[in-house]
Amino acid sequence: MTERNLSPPVRFIIVGAAIVIILAGIRAATPILGPLLLAVFLAMITTPLLRWLVRHGVPPLAALGVILTGLIAGFLLVSAFVGAALVQIVNALPTYQEQLNIQLALLELFLADYGVEPASIQIFDLIDRGMLIQQLAAFAGSFGGALFDAILIVIATGFLLLEASHFTADIERRFGTDSRMLERIRQSSRLLIDYMIVRTKVNLITGAGVAALLYVLGVDFALLWGLLTFILSYIPYIGLALAALPATVLAWLELGLPGVVIVLVGVTIVNALAENVLFPQMAGQGLDLSPFVVLFSVVFWGFILGGAGVFLAVPLTLAVKMVLEVWEETRWLAALMSSGNSKERASQN
């Protein structure tokens, strides 16, 4: 039976089953594919720097060595900083426990003023003070494994940068320099690279803004929470909320409820400026994904690829959308993933 003899429902079932099988294989290979994808996108970010160094007379191998040295040094500095901060947090736990008791007592008085009996909700039983130490110990245990994965990612990035020029030349020989598919690949690569670079710049501004706000307020470990904001801001919509949670808790312990309000309002303002003002101006009009697709991509790729999928949800979804736009049969799926802004701009023009 040929493809033409198959009815549309049968073709849909066959294609759907194939996609499910492929995704199951990808999910099973997550320990390998996750670091590899992170290395691919890290190579995409550093490729413009590599080309800039080569254009300014630096030999390719020397330029690659400079980039890898910078990446390794950056990872080591960040790891040392996070490790030192964790040690300080653990040492400060008795102080935080005293502050927690004070804030809970004030919260009980506040509830009592409104006729709520604190004993009826057993507020102290809702907080397991030993859980915090257990979570910190678990995080410290996994920190070494994460550091090892980071070193592997840096090494893989080096190999990808080393083979980038040969890979491009092989594709040109395969399809021809004037191939429409090759031009599409180039456009897609430029868009993904531009997105990752712009996303990194905006995250850096957001993290610096949050760190400055917390430092001015006197919240402990402001630089750590700023770094966490920079990293988690790669996760659309929910990343900043996760990053702001520990800083908000510390603000409550140290400054009370007014500190919580100030932190939440300040972080919201910083995020609004970064995402609604800076990001659209820096990213231009190339990113055409609906908000629902972006949010769904975080859940979907997180389920398939774990942590790497959560961080790379938007780039992976953009790559899938670009692949769907290549063929006429799947172009309608790419249109469903669009935000509709491109059509509005086209009608205005």
C-alpha atoms as a PDB file:
ATOM      1  CA  MET A   1       0.000   0.000   0.000  1.00  0.00           C
ATOM      2  CA  THR A   2       1.504   3.320  -1.085  1.00  0.00           C
ATOM      3  CA  GLU A   3       1.277   6.640   0.698  1.00  0.00           C
ATOM      4  CA  ARG A   4      -1.273   7.917  -1.805  1.00  0.00           C
ATOM      5  CA  ASN A   5      -3.623   5.015  -1.021  1.00  0.00           C
ATOM      6  CA  LEU A   6      -3.640   5.844   2.674  1.00  0.00           C
ATOM      7  CA  SER A   7      -6.557   7.885   3.926  1.00  0.00           C
ATOM      8  CA  PRO A   8      -5.820  11.124   5.835  1.00  0.00           C
ATOM      9  CA  PRO A   9      -6.841   9.618   9.224  1.00  0.00           C
ATOM     10  CA  VAL A  10      -4.514   6.658   8.684  1.00  0.00           C
ATOM     11  CA  ARG A  11      -1.628   8.934   7.699  1.00  0.00           C
ATOM     12  CA  PHE A  12      -2.346  11.076  10.762  1.00  0.00           C
ATOM     13  CA  ILE A  13      -2.259   8.029  13.051  1.00  0.00           C
ATOM     14  CA  ILE A  14       0.972   6.720  11.503  1.00  0.00           C
ATOM     15  CA  VAL A  15       2.705  10.088  11.745  1.00  0.00           C
ATOM     16  CA  GLY A  16       1.428  10.597  15.303  1.00  0.00           C
ATOM     17  CA  ALA A  17       2.668   7.163  16.360  1.00  0.00           C
ATOM     18  CA  ALA A  18       6.064   7.867  14.820  1.00  0.00           C
ATOM     19  CA  ILE A  19       6.291  11.185  16.672  1.00  0.00           C
ATOM     20  CA  VAL A  20       5.386   9.512  19.974  1.00  0.00           C
ATOM     21  CA  ILE A  21       8.058   6.843  19.436  1.00  0.00           C
ATOM     22  CA  ILE A  22      10.680   9.467  18.582  1.00  0.00           C
ATOM     23  CA  LEU A  23       9.801  11.590  21.619  1.00  0.00           C
ATOM     24  CA  ALA A  24       9.941   8.522  23.867  1.00  0.00           C
ATOM     25  CA  GLY A  25      13.421   7.782  22.523  1.00  0.00           C
ATOM     26  CA  ILE A  26      14.487  11.376  23.099  1.00  0.00           C
ATOM     27  CA  ARG A  27      13.171  11.263  26.665  1.00  0.00           C
ATOM     28  CA  ALA A  28      15.065   8.027  27.317  1.00  0.00           C
ATOM     29  CA  ALA A  29      18.250   9.642  25.991  1.00  0.00           C
ATOM     30  CA  THR A  30      17.816  12.820  28.057  1.00  0.00           C
ATOM     31  CA  PRO A  31      21.021  12.309  30.136  1.00  0.00           C
ATOM     32  CA  ILE A  32      22.965  12.474  26.861  1.00  0.00           C
ATOM     33  CA  LEU A  33      20.850  14.845  24.772  1.00  0.00           C
ATOM     34  CA  GLY A  34      20.333  17.433  27.520  1.00  0.00           C
ATOM     35  CA  PRO A  35      24.023  18.414  27.919  1.00  0.00           C
ATOM     36  CA  LEU A  36      24.528  18.076  24.158  1.00  0.00           C
ATOM     37  CA  LEU A  37      21.733  20.547  23.383  1.00  0.00           C
ATOM     38  CA  LEU A  38      23.070  22.958  25.986  1.00  0.00           C
ATOM     39  CA  ALA A  39      26.471  22.701  24.317  1.00  0.00           C
ATOM     40  CA  VAL A  40      24.904  23.374  20.909  1.00  0.00           C
ATOM     41  CA  PHE A  41      23.202  26.545  22.060  1.00  0.00           C
ATOM     42  CA  LEU A  42      26.258  27.663  24.025  1.00  0.00           C
ATOM     43  CA  ALA A  43      28.250  27.230  20.812  1.00  0.00           C
ATOM     44  CA  MET A  44      25.652  29.311  18.972  1.00  0.00           C
ATOM     45  CA  ILE A  45      26.093  32.138  21.485  1.00  0.00           C
ATOM     46  CA  THR A  46      29.897  32.090  21.308  1.00  0.00           C
ATOM     47  CA  THR A  47      30.194  31.646  17.517  1.00  0.00           C
ATOM     48  CA  PRO A  48      29.917  35.417  16.809  1.00  0.00           C
ATOM     49  CA  LEU A  49      32.731  36.047  19.311  1.00  0.00           C
ATOM     50  CA  LEU A  50      34.874  33.379  17.649  1.00  0.00           C
ATOM     51  CA  ARG A  51      34.338  34.940  14.232  1.00  0.00           C
ATOM     52  CA  TRP A  52      35.078  38.412  15.616  1.00  0.00           C
ATOM     53  CA  LEU A  53      38.397  37.244  17.042  1.00  0.00           C
ATOM     54  CA  VAL A  54      39.340  35.536  13.759  1.00  0.00           C
ATOM     55  CA  ARG A  55      38.456  38.649  11.746  1.00  0.00           C
ATOM     56  CA  HIS A  56      40.785  40.679  13.972  1.00  0.00           C
ATOM     57  CA  GLY A  57      43.777  38.488  13.233  1.00  0.00           C
ATOM     58  CA  VAL A  58      43.598  35.896  15.999  1.00  0.00           C
ATOM     59  CA  PRO A  59      44.357  32.359  14.722  1.00  0.00           C
ATOM     60  CA  PRO A  60      41.274  30.079  14.885  1.00  0.00           C
ATOM     61  CA  LEU A  61      42.796  27.679  17.407  1.00  0.00           C
ATOM     62  CA  ALA A  62      43.986  30.539  19.602  1.00  0.00           C
ATOM     63  CA  ALA A  63      40.552  32.189  19.418  1.00  0.00           C
ATOM     64  CA  LEU A  64      38.945  28.895  20.381  1.00  0.00           C
ATOM     65  CA  GLY A  65      41.356  28.571  23.300  1.00  0.00           C
ATOM     66  CA  VAL A  66      40.482  32.070  24.500  1.00  0.00           C
ATOM     67  CA  ILE A  67      36.750  31.303  24.421  1.00  0.00           C
ATOM     68  CA  LEU A  68      37.096  27.945  26.171  1.00  0.00           C
ATOM     69  CA  THR A  69      39.382  29.441  28.803  1.00  0.00           C
ATOM     70  CA  GLY A  70      36.845  32.178  29.435  1.00  0.00           C
ATOM     71  CA  LEU A  71      33.981  29.688  29.679  1.00  0.00           C
ATOM     72  CA  ILE A  72      35.857  27.399  32.073  1.00  0.00           C
ATOM     73  CA  ALA A  73      36.977  30.338  34.200  1.00  0.00           C
ATOM     74  CA  GLY A  74      33.427  31.659  34.279  1.00  0.00           C
ATOM     75  CA  PHE A  75      32.003  28.297  35.349  1.00  0.00           C
ATOM     76  CA  LEU A  76      34.642  27.919  38.061  1.00  0.00           C
ATOM     77  CA  LEU A  77      34.074  31.437  39.398  1.00  0.00           C
ATOM     78  CA  VAL A  78      30.313  30.972  39.464  1.00  0.00           C
ATOM     79  CA  SER A  79      30.680  27.569  41.133  1.00  0.00           C
ATOM     80  CA  ALA A  80      33.028  28.949  43.769  1.00  0.00           C
ATOM     81  CA  PHE A  81      30.710  31.890  44.418  1.00  0.00           C
ATOM     82  CA  VAL A  82      27.611  29.698  44.740  1.00  0.00           C
ATOM     83  CA  GLY A  83      29.452  27.215  46.962  1.00  0.00           C
ATOM     84  CA  ALA A  84      30.674  29.960  49.286  1.00  0.00           C
ATOM     85  CA  ALA A  85      27.186  31.486  49.429  1.00  0.00           C
ATOM     86  CA  LEU A  86      25.650  28.123  50.337  1.00  0.00           C
ATOM     87  CA  VAL A  87      28.131  27.706  53.185  1.00  0.00           C
ATOM     88  CA  GLN A  88      27.234  31.153  54.499  1.00  0.00           C
ATOM     89  CA  ILE A  89      23.506  30.381  54.243  1.00  0.00           C
ATOM     90  CA  VAL A  90      23.942  27.165  56.225  1.00  0.00           C
ATOM     91  CA  ASN A  91      25.952  29.008  58.890  1.00  0.00           C
ATOM     92  CA  ALA A  92      23.261  31.695  59.096  1.00  0.00           C
ATOM     93  CA  LEU A  93      20.394  29.223  59.563  1.00  0.00           C
ATOM     94  CA  PRO A  94      20.197  29.711  63.382  1.00  0.00           C
ATOM     95  CA  THR A  95      19.824  33.455  62.850  1.00  0.00           C
ATOM     96  CA  TYR A  96      17.166  32.921  60.230  1.00  0.00           C
ATOM     97  CA  GLN A  97      15.330  30.556  62.555  1.00  0.00           C
ATOM     98  CA  GLU A  98      15.174  33.278  65.220  1.00  0.00           C
ATOM     99  CA  GLN A  99      13.928  35.770  62.646  1.00  0.00           C
ATOM    100  CA  LEU A 100      11.369  33.215  61.497  1.00  0.00           C
ATOM    101  CA  ASN A 101      10.048  32.823  65.040  1.00  0.00           C
ATOM    102  CA  ILE A 102       9.736  36.614  65.353  1.00  0.00           C
ATOM    103  CA  GLN A 103       7.903  36.991  62.034  1.00  0.00           C
ATOM    104  CA  LEU A 104       5.578  34.091  62.810  1.00  0.00           C
ATOM    105  CA  ALA A 105       4.749  35.657  66.178  1.00  0.00           C
ATOM    106  CA  LEU A 106       3.975  38.966  64.450  1.00  0.00           C
ATOM    107  CA  LEU A 107       1.867  37.089  61.903  1.00  0.00           C
ATOM    108  CA  GLU A 108      -0.091  35.430  64.710  1.00  0.00           C
ATOM    109  CA  LEU A 109      -0.785  38.827  66.267  1.00  0.00           C
ATOM    110  CA  PHE A 110      -1.875  40.162  62.885  1.00  0.00           C
ATOM    111  CA  LEU A 111      -4.276  37.256  62.393  1.00  0.00           C
ATOM    112  CA  ALA A 112      -5.586  37.613  65.929  1.00  0.00           C
ATOM    113  CA  ASP A 113      -6.442  41.276  65.254  1.00  0.00           C
ATOM    114  CA  TYR A 114      -8.749  40.100  62.473  1.00  0.00           C
ATOM    115  CA  GLY A 115     -10.421  37.460  64.598  1.00  0.00           C
ATOM    116  CA  VAL A 116      -8.441  34.487  63.304  1.00  0.00           C
ATOM    117  CA  GLU A 117      -7.251  32.175  66.042  1.00  0.00           C
ATOM    118  CA  PRO A 118      -3.666  31.145  65.169  1.00  0.00           C
ATOM    119  CA  ALA A 119      -3.910  27.944  67.188  1.00  0.00           C
ATOM    120  CA  SER A 120      -6.793  26.767  65.008  1.00  0.00           C
ATOM    121  CA  ILE A 121      -4.603  26.643  61.919  1.00  0.00           C
ATOM    122  CA  GLN A 122      -1.471  25.418  63.762  1.00  0.00           C
ATOM    123  CA  ILE A 123       0.773  27.744  61.804  1.00  0.00           C
ATOM    124  CA  PHE A 124       3.961  26.441  63.382  1.00  0.00           C
ATOM    125  CA  ASP A 125       3.135  22.909  62.301  1.00  0.00           C
ATOM    126  CA  LEU A 126       2.905  24.051  58.681  1.00  0.00           C
ATOM    127  CA  ILE A 127       6.613  24.877  58.579  1.00  0.00           C
ATOM    128  CA  ASP A 128       9.138  22.083  58.846  1.00  0.00           C
ATOM    129  CA  ARG A 129      12.321  23.841  59.916  1.00  0.00           C
ATOM    130  CA  GLY A 130      14.411  20.721  59.312  1.00  0.00           C
ATOM    131  CA  MET A 131      13.241  20.563  55.715  1.00  0.00           C
ATOM    132  CA  LEU A 132      15.325  23.608  54.808  1.00  0.00           C
ATOM    133  CA  ILE A 133      18.544  21.952  55.964  1.00  0.00           C
ATOM    134  CA  GLN A 134      17.639  18.736  54.123  1.00  0.00           C
ATOM    135  CA  GLN A 135      16.973  20.619  50.898  1.00  0.00           C
ATOM    136  CA  LEU A 136      20.232  22.515  51.158  1.00  0.00           C
ATOM    137  CA  ALA A 137      22.113  19.262  51.769  1.00  0.00           C
ATOM    138  CA  ALA A 138      20.441  17.642  48.757  1.00  0.00           C
ATOM    139  CA  PHE A 139      21.310  20.644  46.602  1.00  0.00           C
ATOM    140  CA  ALA A 140      24.915  20.546  47.767  1.00  0.00           C
ATOM    141  CA  GLY A 141      25.051  16.842  46.908  1.00  0.00           C
ATOM    142  CA  SER A 142      23.862  17.454  43.361  1.00  0.00           C
ATOM    143  CA  PHE A 143      26.062  20.521  42.927  1.00  0.00           C
ATOM    144  CA  GLY A 144      29.149  18.407  42.229  1.00  0.00           C
ATOM    145  CA  GLY A 145      27.339  16.455  39.504  1.00  0.00           C
ATOM    146  CA  ALA A 146      26.099  19.676  37.938  1.00  0.00           C
ATOM    147  CA  LEU A 147      29.640  21.052  37.928  1.00  0.00           C
ATOM    148  CA  PHE A 148      30.892  17.912  36.156  1.00  0.00           C
ATOM    149  CA  ASP A 149      28.147  18.256  33.533  1.00  0.00           C
ATOM    150  CA  ALA A 150      29.107  21.900  33.053  1.00  0.00           C
ATOM    151  CA  ILE A 151      32.711  20.930  32.302  1.00  0.00           C
ATOM    152  CA  LEU A 152      31.485  18.350  29.759  1.00  0.00           C
ATOM    153  CA  ILE A 153      29.272  21.000  28.156  1.00  0.00           C
ATOM    154  CA  VAL A 154      32.243  23.346  27.809  1.00  0.00           C
ATOM    155  CA  ILE A 155      34.356  20.608  26.207  1.00  0.00           C
ATOM    156  CA  ALA A 156      31.544  19.696  23.795  1.00  0.00           C
ATOM    157  CA  THR A 157      31.123  23.387  22.962  1.00  0.00           C
ATOM    158  CA  GLY A 158      34.784  23.560  22.031  1.00  0.00           C
ATOM    159  CA  PHE A 159      34.463  20.645  19.623  1.00  0.00           C
ATOM    160  CA  LEU A 160      31.342  22.175  18.065  1.00  0.00           C
ATOM    161  CA  LEU A 161      33.095  25.509  17.554  1.00  0.00           C
ATOM    162  CA  LEU A 162      36.082  23.721  16.078  1.00  0.00           C
ATOM    163  CA  GLU A 163      33.906  21.850  13.579  1.00  0.00           C
ATOM    164  CA  ALA A 164      31.547  24.729  12.784  1.00  0.00           C
ATOM    165  CA  SER A 165      33.400  25.934   9.671  1.00  0.00           C
ATOM    166  CA  HIS A 166      33.844  22.397   8.314  1.00  0.00           C
ATOM    167  CA  PHE A 167      30.177  21.647   8.946  1.00  0.00           C
ATOM    168  CA  THR A 168      29.099  24.743   7.013  1.00  0.00           C
ATOM    169  CA  ALA A 169      31.414  23.884   4.127  1.00  0.00           C
ATOM    170  CA  ASP A 170      30.062  20.314   3.975  1.00  0.00           C
ATOM    171  CA  ILE A 171      26.479  21.595   3.801  1.00  0.00           C
ATOM    172  CA  GLU A 172      27.381  24.014   1.007  1.00  0.00           C
ATOM    173  CA  ARG A 173      29.021  21.232  -0.989  1.00  0.00           C
ATOM    174  CA  ARG A 174      26.011  19.003  -0.374  1.00  0.00           C
ATOM    175  CA  PHE A 175      23.237  21.413  -1.332  1.00  0.00           C
ATOM    176  CA  GLY A 176      25.093  24.107  -3.263  1.00  0.00           C
ATOM    177  CA  THR A 177      25.782  27.691  -2.235  1.00  0.00           C
ATOM    178  CA  ASP A 178      22.542  28.929  -3.849  1.00  0.00           C
ATOM    179  CA  SER A 179      20.321  26.229  -2.357  1.00  0.00           C
ATOM    180  CA  ARG A 180      17.021  27.456  -0.983  1.00  0.00           C
ATOM    181  CA  MET A 181      17.244  24.965   1.881  1.00  0.00           C
ATOM    182  CA  LEU A 182      20.737  26.186   2.760  1.00  0.00           C
ATOM    183  CA  GLU A 183      19.508  29.771   2.813  1.00  0.00           C
ATOM    184  CA  ARG A 184      16.653  28.694   5.061  1.00  0.00           C
ATOM    185  CA  ILE A 185      19.108  26.995   7.411  1.00  0.00           C
ATOM    186  CA  ARG A 186      21.212  30.154   7.503  1.00  0.00           C
ATOM    187  CA  GLN A 187      18.202  32.336   8.286  1.00  0.00           C
ATOM    188  CA  SER A 188      17.054  29.958  11.009  1.00  0.00           C
ATOM    189  CA  SER A 189      20.518  29.823  12.541  1.00  0.00           C
ATOM    190  CA  ARG A 190      20.816  33.612  12.550  1.00  0.00           C
ATOM    191  CA  LEU A 191      17.412  33.948  14.209  1.00  0.00           C
ATOM    192  CA  LEU A 192      18.244  31.397  16.905  1.00  0.00           C
ATOM    193  CA  ILE A 193      21.652  32.962  17.538  1.00  0.00           C
ATOM    194  CA  ASP A 194      20.126  36.437  17.732  1.00  0.00           C
ATOM    195  CA  TYR A 195      17.492  35.187  20.156  1.00  0.00           C
ATOM    196  CA  MET A 196      20.016  33.535  22.460  1.00  0.00           C
ATOM    197  CA  ILE A 197      22.298  36.577  22.458  1.00  0.00           C
ATOM    198  CA  VAL A 198      19.437  39.019  23.100  1.00  0.00           C
ATOM    199  CA  ARG A 199      17.947  36.746  25.747  1.00  0.00           C
ATOM    200  CA  THR A 200      21.310  36.614  27.517  1.00  0.00           C
ATOM    201  CA  LYS A 201      21.669  40.424  27.447  1.00  0.00           C
ATOM    202  CA  VAL A 202      18.144  40.975  28.787  1.00  0.00           C
ATOM    203  CA  ASN A 203      18.660  38.355  31.499  1.00  0.00           C
ATOM    204  CA  LEU A 204      21.897  40.066  32.501  1.00  0.00           C
ATOM    205  CA  ILE A 205      20.092  43.396  32.839  1.00  0.00           C
ATOM    206  CA  THR A 206      17.256  41.777  34.795  1.00  0.00           C
ATOM    207  CA  GLY A 207      19.626  39.967  37.143  1.00  0.00           C
ATOM    208  CA  ALA A 208      21.669  43.122  37.727  1.00  0.00           C
ATOM    209  CA  GLY A 209      18.509  45.122  38.430  1.00  0.00           C
ATOM    210  CA  VAL A 210      17.188  42.583  40.924  1.00  0.00           C
ATOM    211  CA  ALA A 211      20.587  42.320  42.640  1.00  0.00           C
ATOM    212  CA  ALA A 212      20.828  46.124  42.916  1.00  0.00           C
ATOM    213  CA  LEU A 213      17.317  46.337  44.373  1.00  0.00           C
ATOM    214  CA  LEU A 214      18.006  43.672  46.987  1.00  0.00           C
ATOM    215  CA  TYR A 215      21.380  45.213  47.846  1.00  0.00           C
ATOM    216  CA  VAL A 216      19.804  48.615  48.446  1.00  0.00           C
ATOM    217  CA  LEU A 217      17.138  47.026  50.661  1.00  0.00           C
ATOM    218  CA  GLY A 218      19.806  45.177  52.633  1.00  0.00           C
ATOM    219  CA  VAL A 219      18.621  41.645  51.796  1.00  0.00           C
ATOM    220  CA  ASP A 220      21.328  39.052  52.372  1.00  0.00           C
ATOM    221  CA  PHE A 221      23.066  37.418  49.394  1.00  0.00           C
ATOM    222  CA  ALA A 222      21.780  39.959  46.872  1.00  0.00           C
ATOM    223  CA  LEU A 223      24.389  38.923  44.284  1.00  0.00           C
ATOM    224  CA  LEU A 224      23.369  35.267  44.601  1.00  0.00           C
ATOM    225  CA  TRP A 225      19.708  36.066  43.980  1.00  0.00           C
ATOM    226  CA  GLY A 226      20.705  38.280  41.056  1.00  0.00           C
ATOM    227  CA  LEU A 227      22.684  35.397  39.557  1.00  0.00           C
ATOM    228  CA  LEU A 228      19.734  33.068  40.121  1.00  0.00           C
ATOM    229  CA  THR A 229      17.482  35.603  38.372  1.00  0.00           C
ATOM    230  CA  PHE A 230      19.870  35.749  35.397  1.00  0.00           C
ATOM    231  CA  ILE A 231      19.847  31.962  35.028  1.00  0.00           C
ATOM    232  CA  LEU A 232      16.167  31.269  35.637  1.00  0.00           C
ATOM    233  CA  SER A 233      15.017  34.127  33.399  1.00  0.00           C
ATOM    234  CA  TYR A 234      15.718  31.829  30.451  1.00  0.00           C
ATOM    235  CA  ILE A 235      12.511  30.068  31.535  1.00  0.00           C
ATOM    236  CA  PRO A 236       9.594  32.123  30.171  1.00  0.00           C
ATOM    237  CA  TYR A 237       6.941  33.451  32.563  1.00  0.00           C
ATOM    238  CA  ILE A 238       7.733  31.241  35.568  1.00  0.00           C
ATOM    239  CA  GLY A 239      11.509  31.588  35.777  1.00  0.00           C
ATOM    240  CA  LEU A 240      11.550  35.004  37.411  1.00  0.00           C
ATOM    241  CA  ALA A 241       8.903  33.964  39.944  1.00  0.00           C
ATOM    242  CA  LEU A 242      11.037  30.993  40.991  1.00  0.00           C
ATOM    243  CA  ALA A 243      14.128  33.198  41.230  1.00  0.00           C
ATOM    244  CA  ALA A 244      12.353  35.838  43.327  1.00  0.00           C
ATOM    245  CA  LEU A 245      10.950  33.314  45.834  1.00  0.00           C
ATOM    246  CA  PRO A 246      14.028  32.874  48.101  1.00  0.00           C
ATOM    247  CA  ALA A 247      14.782  36.602  48.034  1.00  0.00           C
ATOM    248  CA  THR A 248      11.175  37.331  49.014  1.00  0.00           C
ATOM    249  CA  VAL A 249      11.372  34.888  51.929  1.00  0.00           C
ATOM    250  CA  LEU A 250      14.591  36.506  53.167  1.00  0.00           C
ATOM    251  CA  ALA A 251      13.037  39.954  52.793  1.00  0.00           C
ATOM    252  CA  TRP A 252      10.152  38.776  54.975  1.00  0.00           C
ATOM    253  CA  LEU A 253      12.523  37.436  57.633  1.00  0.00           C
ATOM    254  CA  GLU A 254      14.721  40.536  57.691  1.00  0.00           C
ATOM    255  CA  LEU A 255      12.319  43.362  56.839  1.00  0.00           C
ATOM    256  CA  GLY A 256       8.854  41.997  57.541  1.00  0.00           C
ATOM    257  CA  LEU A 257       5.807  42.315  55.318  1.00  0.00           C
ATOM    258  CA  PRO A 258       6.785  45.800  54.023  1.00  0.00           C
ATOM    259  CA  GLY A 259      10.005  44.301  52.685  1.00  0.00           C
ATOM    260  CA  VAL A 260       8.033  41.597  50.877  1.00  0.00           C
ATOM    261  CA  VAL A 261       5.836  44.202  49.211  1.00  0.00           C
ATOM    262  CA  ILE A 262       8.818  46.304  48.152  1.00  0.00           C
ATOM    263  CA  VAL A 263      10.658  43.305  46.722  1.00  0.00           C
ATOM    264  CA  LEU A 264       7.634  42.046  44.784  1.00  0.00           C
ATOM    265  CA  VAL A 265       6.851  45.484  43.375  1.00  0.00           C
ATOM    266  CA  GLY A 266      10.499  46.160  42.523  1.00  0.00           C
ATOM    267  CA  VAL A 267      11.026  42.815  40.813  1.00  0.00           C
ATOM    268  CA  THR A 268       7.801  43.278  38.859  1.00  0.00           C
ATOM    269  CA  ILE A 269       8.935  46.708  37.643  1.00  0.00           C
ATOM    270  CA  VAL A 270      12.389  45.426  36.656  1.00  0.00           C
ATOM    271  CA  ASN A 271      10.862  42.500  34.798  1.00  0.00           C
ATOM    272  CA  ALA A 272       8.306  44.713  33.044  1.00  0.00           C
ATOM    273  CA  LEU A 273      11.010  47.090  31.829  1.00  0.00           C
ATOM    274  CA  ALA A 274      13.252  44.250  30.687  1.00  0.00           C
ATOM    275  CA  GLU A 275      10.606  42.119  28.964  1.00  0.00           C
ATOM    276  CA  ASN A 276       8.251  44.781  27.579  1.00  0.00           C
ATOM    277  CA  VAL A 277      10.714  47.550  26.722  1.00  0.00           C
ATOM    278  CA  LEU A 278      14.238  46.193  26.290  1.00  0.00           C
ATOM    279  CA  PHE A 279      13.538  42.745  24.860  1.00  0.00           C
ATOM    280  CA  PRO A 280      11.198  43.832  22.009  1.00  0.00           C
ATOM    281  CA  GLN A 281      13.621  46.584  20.960  1.00  0.00           C
ATOM    282  CA  MET A 282      16.645  44.283  21.026  1.00  0.00           C
ATOM    283  CA  ALA A 283      14.976  41.197  19.559  1.00  0.00           C
ATOM    284  CA  GLY A 284      13.126  43.011  16.784  1.00  0.00           C
ATOM    285  CA  GLN A 285      10.172  41.322  15.137  1.00  0.00           C
ATOM    286  CA  GLY A 286      11.650  37.933  14.317  1.00  0.00           C
ATOM    287  CA  LEU A 287      10.206  35.942  17.231  1.00  0.00           C
ATOM    288  CA  ASP A 288       6.681  35.002  16.227  1.00  0.00           C
ATOM    289  CA  LEU A 289       5.378  32.601  18.875  1.00  0.00           C
ATOM    290  CA  SER A 290       2.068  32.855  20.678  1.00  0.00           C
ATOM    291  CA  PRO A 291       2.221  33.172  24.493  1.00  0.00           C
ATOM    292  CA  PHE A 292       0.328  29.894  24.919  1.00  0.00           C
ATOM    293  CA  VAL A 293       2.836  28.067  22.712  1.00  0.00           C
ATOM    294  CA  VAL A 294       5.700  29.528  24.760  1.00  0.00           C
ATOM    295  CA  LEU A 295       4.121  28.432  28.050  1.00  0.00           C
ATOM    296  CA  PHE A 296       3.228  25.007  26.662  1.00  0.00           C
ATOM    297  CA  SER A 297       6.758  24.585  25.308  1.00  0.00           C
ATOM    298  CA  VAL A 298       8.186  25.011  28.813  1.00  0.00           C
ATOM    299  CA  VAL A 299       6.012  22.188  30.137  1.00  0.00           C
ATOM    300  CA  PHE A 300       6.475  19.982  27.069  1.00  0.00           C
ATOM    301  CA  TRP A 301      10.250  20.255  26.687  1.00  0.00           C
ATOM    302  CA  GLY A 302      10.679  20.078  30.444  1.00  0.00           C
ATOM    303  CA  PHE A 303       8.848  16.742  30.404  1.00  0.00           C
ATOM    304  CA  ILE A 304      10.882  15.458  27.452  1.00  0.00           C
ATOM    305  CA  LEU A 305      14.366  16.779  28.274  1.00  0.00           C
ATOM    306  CA  GLY A 306      14.192  17.709  31.944  1.00  0.00           C
ATOM    307  CA  GLY A 307      16.047  20.802  33.111  1.00  0.00           C
ATOM    308  CA  ALA A 308      17.766  21.369  29.771  1.00  0.00           C
ATOM    309  CA  GLY A 309      14.398  21.380  28.039  1.00  0.00           C
ATOM    310  CA  VAL A 310      13.015  23.975  30.451  1.00  0.00           C
ATOM    311  CA  PHE A 311      15.889  26.369  29.759  1.00  0.00           C
ATOM    312  CA  LEU A 312      15.906  25.749  26.006  1.00  0.00           C
ATOM    313  CA  ALA A 313      12.131  25.588  25.520  1.00  0.00           C
ATOM    314  CA  VAL A 314      11.839  28.716  23.366  1.00  0.00           C
ATOM    315  CA  PRO A 315      14.859  28.021  21.096  1.00  0.00           C
ATOM    316  CA  LEU A 316      13.739  24.425  20.576  1.00  0.00           C
ATOM    317  CA  THR A 317      10.196  25.538  19.765  1.00  0.00           C
ATOM    318  CA  LEU A 318      11.527  28.128  17.323  1.00  0.00           C
ATOM    319  CA  ALA A 319      13.593  25.414  15.652  1.00  0.00           C
ATOM    320  CA  VAL A 320      10.538  23.145  15.351  1.00  0.00           C
ATOM    321  CA  LYS A 321       8.479  26.003  13.910  1.00  0.00           C
ATOM    322  CA  MET A 322      11.148  26.751  11.317  1.00  0.00           C
ATOM    323  CA  VAL A 323      11.271  23.093  10.277  1.00  0.00           C
ATOM    324  CA  LEU A 324       7.494  23.032   9.905  1.00  0.00           C
ATOM    325  CA  GLU A 325       7.641  26.110   7.681  1.00  0.00           C
ATOM    326  CA  VAL A 326       9.874  24.320   5.157  1.00  0.00           C
ATOM    327  CA  TRP A 327       7.184  21.945   3.838  1.00  0.00           C
ATOM    328  CA  GLU A 328       3.810  22.960   2.477  1.00  0.00           C
ATOM    329  CA  GLU A 329       2.040  20.099   4.268  1.00  0.00           C
ATOM    330  CA  THR A 330       3.172  21.277   7.708  1.00  0.00           C
ATOM    331  CA  ARG A 331       3.126  25.033   7.145  1.00  0.00           C
ATOM    332  CA  TRP A 332      -0.321  25.302   8.702  1.00  0.00           C
ATOM    333  CA  LEU A 333       1.072  23.916  11.965  1.00  0.00           C
ATOM    334  CA  ALA A 334       3.730  26.626  11.974  1.00  0.00           C
ATOM    335  CA  ALA A 335       0.975  29.191  11.411  1.00  0.00           C
ATOM    336  CA  LEU A 336      -0.899  27.869  14.473  1.00  0.00           C
ATOM    337  CA  MET A 337       2.225  28.405  16.567  1.00  0.00           C
ATOM    338  CA  SER A 338       2.539  32.032  15.457  1.00  0.00           C
ATOM    339  CA  SER A 339       1.388  34.941  17.560  1.00  0.00           C
ATOM    340  CA  GLY A 340      -0.323  36.638  14.628  1.00  0.00           C
ATOM    341  CA  ASN A 341       1.799  39.782  14.923  1.00  0.00           C
ATOM    342  CA  SER A 342       3.534  39.096  11.638  1.00  0.00           C
ATOM    343  CA  LYS A 343       0.214  39.028   9.806  1.00  0.00           C
ATOM    344  CA  GLU A 344      -0.843  42.278  11.447  1.00  0.00           C
ATOM    345  CA  ARG A 345       2.434  43.920  10.438  1.00  0.00           C
ATOM    346  CA  ALA A 346       2.069  42.588   6.907  1.00  0.00           C
ATOM    347  CA  SER A 347      -1.451  43.996   6.596  1.00  0.00           C
ATOM    348  CA  GLN A 348      -0.269  47.352   7.946  1.00  0.00           C
ATOM    349  CA  ASN A 349       2.514  47.486   5.417  1.00  0.00           C
END
